[in-house]
């Protein structure tokens, strides 16, 4: 298992990241990206898991649930 951290600077960076990220990878992004028009819509459609960084307890719950699902389904 590994973690890839992407600090993209433009919307086009997202397309480049898609080429670099390995198969069976679980993408997680800050919830604010969900509200960036077509970028947010594309992220939602691609199955990105959104984390609300302003609600710590909710964010921890989402990450814990994601981690247990990843272990169960053997994904990165």
N, C-alpha and C. Protein backbone atom coordinates (compact mmCIF):
# COMPACT_ATOMS: atom_id res chain seq x y z
N UNK A 1 0.83 -1.20 0.00
CA UNK A 1 0.00 0.00 0.00
C UNK A 1 0.87 1.25 0.00
N UNK A 2 0.34 2.31 -0.56
CA UNK A 2 1.07 3.56 -0.60
C UNK A 2 0.09 4.72 -0.72
N UNK A 3 0.60 5.91 -0.51
CA UNK A 3 -0.19 7.14 -0.59
C UNK A 3 0.45 8.05 -1.62
N UNK A 4 -0.36 8.56 -2.54
CA UNK A 4 0.11 9.54 -3.52
C UNK A 4 -0.56 10.86 -3.17
N UNK A 5 0.23 11.90 -2.95
CA UNK A 5 -0.31 13.20 -2.63
C UNK A 5 -0.11 14.11 -3.83
N UNK A 6 -1.21 14.68 -4.32
CA UNK A 6 -1.15 15.56 -5.49
C UNK A 6 -1.63 16.95 -5.08
N UNK A 7 -0.81 17.92 -5.26
CA UNK A 7 -1.17 19.30 -4.98
C UNK A 7 -1.26 20.03 -6.32
N UNK A 8 -2.35 19.77 -7.02
CA UNK A 8 -2.46 20.31 -8.36
C UNK A 8 -2.70 21.82 -8.33
N UNK A 9 -2.26 22.48 -9.39
CA UNK A 9 -2.33 23.94 -9.46
C UNK A 9 -3.36 24.44 -10.46
N UNK A 10 -3.84 23.57 -11.33
CA UNK A 10 -4.82 23.97 -12.34
C UNK A 10 -5.75 22.80 -12.64
N UNK A 11 -6.87 23.08 -13.28
CA UNK A 11 -7.83 22.03 -13.62
C UNK A 11 -7.23 20.99 -14.55
N UNK A 12 -6.34 21.39 -15.41
CA UNK A 12 -5.73 20.46 -16.36
C UNK A 12 -4.83 19.44 -15.67
N UNK A 13 -4.34 19.78 -14.50
CA UNK A 13 -3.50 18.85 -13.74
C UNK A 13 -4.25 17.57 -13.41
N UNK A 14 -5.56 17.68 -13.24
CA UNK A 14 -6.38 16.52 -12.93
C UNK A 14 -6.26 15.46 -14.01
N UNK A 15 -6.24 15.88 -15.26
CA UNK A 15 -6.13 14.93 -16.37
C UNK A 15 -4.78 14.23 -16.35
N UNK A 16 -3.73 14.95 -16.00
CA UNK A 16 -2.41 14.33 -15.91
C UNK A 16 -2.35 13.34 -14.75
N UNK A 17 -2.99 13.68 -13.64
CA UNK A 17 -2.99 12.79 -12.49
C UNK A 17 -3.69 11.47 -12.81
N UNK A 18 -4.73 11.52 -13.62
CA UNK A 18 -5.45 10.30 -13.99
C UNK A 18 -4.52 9.32 -14.69
N UNK A 19 -3.58 9.82 -15.45
CA UNK A 19 -2.63 8.96 -16.16
C UNK A 19 -1.58 8.36 -15.22
N UNK A 20 -1.29 9.03 -14.14
CA UNK A 20 -0.23 8.60 -13.22
C UNK A 20 -0.76 7.66 -12.13
N UNK A 21 -1.97 7.86 -11.70
CA UNK A 21 -2.54 7.09 -10.60
C UNK A 21 -2.74 5.64 -11.04
N UNK A 22 -2.28 4.68 -10.25
CA UNK A 22 -2.41 3.27 -10.62
C UNK A 22 -3.85 2.77 -10.59
N UNK A 23 -4.08 1.63 -11.24
CA UNK A 23 -5.41 1.02 -11.23
C UNK A 23 -5.76 0.60 -9.81
N UNK A 24 -7.05 0.47 -9.56
CA UNK A 24 -7.57 0.06 -8.26
C UNK A 24 -7.11 0.99 -7.14
N UNK A 25 -6.99 2.25 -7.46
CA UNK A 25 -6.59 3.26 -6.49
C UNK A 25 -7.85 3.96 -5.97
N UNK A 26 -7.84 4.36 -4.73
CA UNK A 26 -8.97 5.04 -4.13
C UNK A 26 -8.64 6.52 -3.96
N UNK A 27 -9.22 7.38 -4.81
CA UNK A 27 -8.93 8.81 -4.70
C UNK A 27 -9.76 9.48 -3.61
N UNK A 28 -9.11 10.34 -2.85
CA UNK A 28 -9.76 11.12 -1.80
C UNK A 28 -9.42 12.58 -2.04
N UNK A 29 -10.41 13.46 -1.92
CA UNK A 29 -10.19 14.89 -2.17
C UNK A 29 -10.96 15.72 -1.15
N UNK A 30 -10.53 16.96 -1.00
CA UNK A 30 -11.25 17.85 -0.10
C UNK A 30 -12.63 18.18 -0.71
N UNK A 31 -13.60 18.30 0.16
CA UNK A 31 -15.00 18.50 -0.26
C UNK A 31 -15.19 19.78 -1.08
N UNK A 32 -14.33 20.77 -0.87
CA UNK A 32 -14.46 22.03 -1.61
C UNK A 32 -14.38 21.82 -3.12
N UNK A 33 -13.66 20.78 -3.56
CA UNK A 33 -13.55 20.52 -4.99
C UNK A 33 -14.89 20.14 -5.62
N UNK A 34 -15.78 19.62 -4.80
CA UNK A 34 -17.09 19.21 -5.29
C UNK A 34 -17.87 20.40 -5.87
N UNK A 35 -17.56 21.59 -5.43
CA UNK A 35 -18.30 22.79 -5.84
C UNK A 35 -17.58 23.62 -6.89
N UNK A 36 -16.66 23.02 -7.63
CA UNK A 36 -15.91 23.74 -8.66
C UNK A 36 -16.48 23.50 -10.07
N UNK A 37 -17.77 23.57 -10.20
CA UNK A 37 -18.41 23.45 -11.52
C UNK A 37 -18.16 22.11 -12.16
N UNK A 38 -17.70 22.13 -13.39
CA UNK A 38 -17.51 20.88 -14.14
C UNK A 38 -16.41 20.01 -13.54
N UNK A 39 -15.42 20.61 -12.92
CA UNK A 39 -14.36 19.83 -12.26
C UNK A 39 -14.96 19.02 -11.12
N UNK A 40 -15.77 19.66 -10.30
CA UNK A 40 -16.41 18.97 -9.18
C UNK A 40 -17.35 17.87 -9.66
N UNK A 41 -18.09 18.17 -10.71
CA UNK A 41 -19.01 17.20 -11.28
C UNK A 41 -18.25 15.98 -11.80
N UNK A 42 -17.14 16.22 -12.50
CA UNK A 42 -16.32 15.13 -13.04
C UNK A 42 -15.71 14.31 -11.90
N UNK A 43 -15.28 14.98 -10.84
CA UNK A 43 -14.72 14.27 -9.68
C UNK A 43 -15.78 13.37 -9.05
N UNK A 44 -16.97 13.89 -8.90
CA UNK A 44 -18.06 13.12 -8.29
C UNK A 44 -18.40 11.91 -9.16
N UNK A 45 -18.49 12.12 -10.46
CA UNK A 45 -18.81 11.02 -11.37
C UNK A 45 -17.72 9.95 -11.41
N UNK A 46 -16.47 10.35 -11.17
CA UNK A 46 -15.38 9.39 -11.21
C UNK A 46 -15.23 8.61 -9.90
N UNK A 47 -16.05 8.92 -8.91
CA UNK A 47 -16.04 8.14 -7.67
C UNK A 47 -15.08 8.62 -6.61
N UNK A 48 -14.63 9.84 -6.71
CA UNK A 48 -13.73 10.37 -5.69
C UNK A 48 -14.47 10.47 -4.36
N UNK A 49 -13.79 10.13 -3.28
CA UNK A 49 -14.35 10.21 -1.94
C UNK A 49 -13.98 11.59 -1.39
N UNK A 50 -15.00 12.34 -1.00
CA UNK A 50 -14.78 13.71 -0.54
C UNK A 50 -14.73 13.77 0.98
N UNK A 51 -13.78 14.56 1.49
CA UNK A 51 -13.57 14.74 2.92
C UNK A 51 -13.88 16.19 3.29
N UNK A 52 -14.75 16.36 4.29
CA UNK A 52 -15.06 17.71 4.77
C UNK A 52 -14.04 18.07 5.84
N UNK A 53 -13.06 18.88 5.47
CA UNK A 53 -11.96 19.21 6.39
C UNK A 53 -12.40 20.12 7.54
N UNK A 54 -13.57 20.74 7.42
CA UNK A 54 -14.05 21.62 8.48
C UNK A 54 -14.80 20.86 9.56
N UNK A 55 -15.18 19.61 9.28
CA UNK A 55 -15.87 18.76 10.26
C UNK A 55 -14.97 17.55 10.53
N UNK A 56 -14.09 17.71 11.47
CA UNK A 56 -13.05 16.72 11.76
C UNK A 56 -13.62 15.32 12.01
N UNK A 57 -14.66 15.22 12.85
CA UNK A 57 -15.23 13.92 13.18
C UNK A 57 -15.78 13.22 11.94
N UNK A 58 -16.47 13.98 11.10
CA UNK A 58 -17.02 13.41 9.87
C UNK A 58 -15.91 12.96 8.93
N UNK A 59 -14.84 13.74 8.85
CA UNK A 59 -13.71 13.39 7.99
C UNK A 59 -13.04 12.11 8.47
N UNK A 60 -12.84 11.97 9.76
CA UNK A 60 -12.23 10.77 10.32
C UNK A 60 -13.12 9.55 10.06
N UNK A 61 -14.42 9.73 10.19
CA UNK A 61 -15.35 8.63 9.93
C UNK A 61 -15.29 8.17 8.48
N UNK A 62 -15.25 9.13 7.54
CA UNK A 62 -15.17 8.79 6.12
C UNK A 62 -13.85 8.06 5.82
N UNK A 63 -12.76 8.55 6.37
CA UNK A 63 -11.45 7.91 6.13
C UNK A 63 -11.42 6.51 6.74
N UNK A 64 -11.96 6.33 7.93
CA UNK A 64 -11.99 5.01 8.57
C UNK A 64 -12.83 4.02 7.77
N UNK A 65 -13.98 4.47 7.32
CA UNK A 65 -14.86 3.62 6.51
C UNK A 65 -14.18 3.25 5.20
N UNK A 66 -13.52 4.22 4.58
CA UNK A 66 -12.80 3.97 3.33
C UNK A 66 -11.67 2.98 3.54
N UNK A 67 -10.92 3.13 4.62
CA UNK A 67 -9.80 2.23 4.91
C UNK A 67 -10.28 0.80 5.13
N UNK A 68 -11.38 0.62 5.86
CA UNK A 68 -11.88 -0.75 6.08
C UNK A 68 -12.39 -1.36 4.78
N UNK A 69 -13.02 -0.58 3.93
CA UNK A 69 -13.47 -1.07 2.63
C UNK A 69 -12.29 -1.44 1.76
N UNK A 70 -11.23 -0.62 1.80
CA UNK A 70 -10.03 -0.91 1.02
C UNK A 70 -9.39 -2.23 1.46
N UNK A 71 -9.32 -2.45 2.76
CA UNK A 71 -8.74 -3.70 3.26
C UNK A 71 -9.59 -4.90 2.83
N UNK A 72 -10.90 -4.74 2.94
CA UNK A 72 -11.81 -5.83 2.61
C UNK A 72 -11.75 -6.18 1.12
N UNK A 73 -11.65 -5.15 0.25
CA UNK A 73 -11.65 -5.37 -1.19
C UNK A 73 -10.25 -5.44 -1.79
N UNK A 74 -9.23 -5.33 -0.95
CA UNK A 74 -7.83 -5.43 -1.37
C UNK A 74 -7.47 -4.42 -2.46
N UNK A 75 -7.77 -3.16 -2.20
CA UNK A 75 -7.38 -2.09 -3.13
C UNK A 75 -6.40 -1.17 -2.46
N UNK A 76 -5.73 -0.35 -3.25
CA UNK A 76 -4.76 0.60 -2.71
C UNK A 76 -5.43 1.90 -2.42
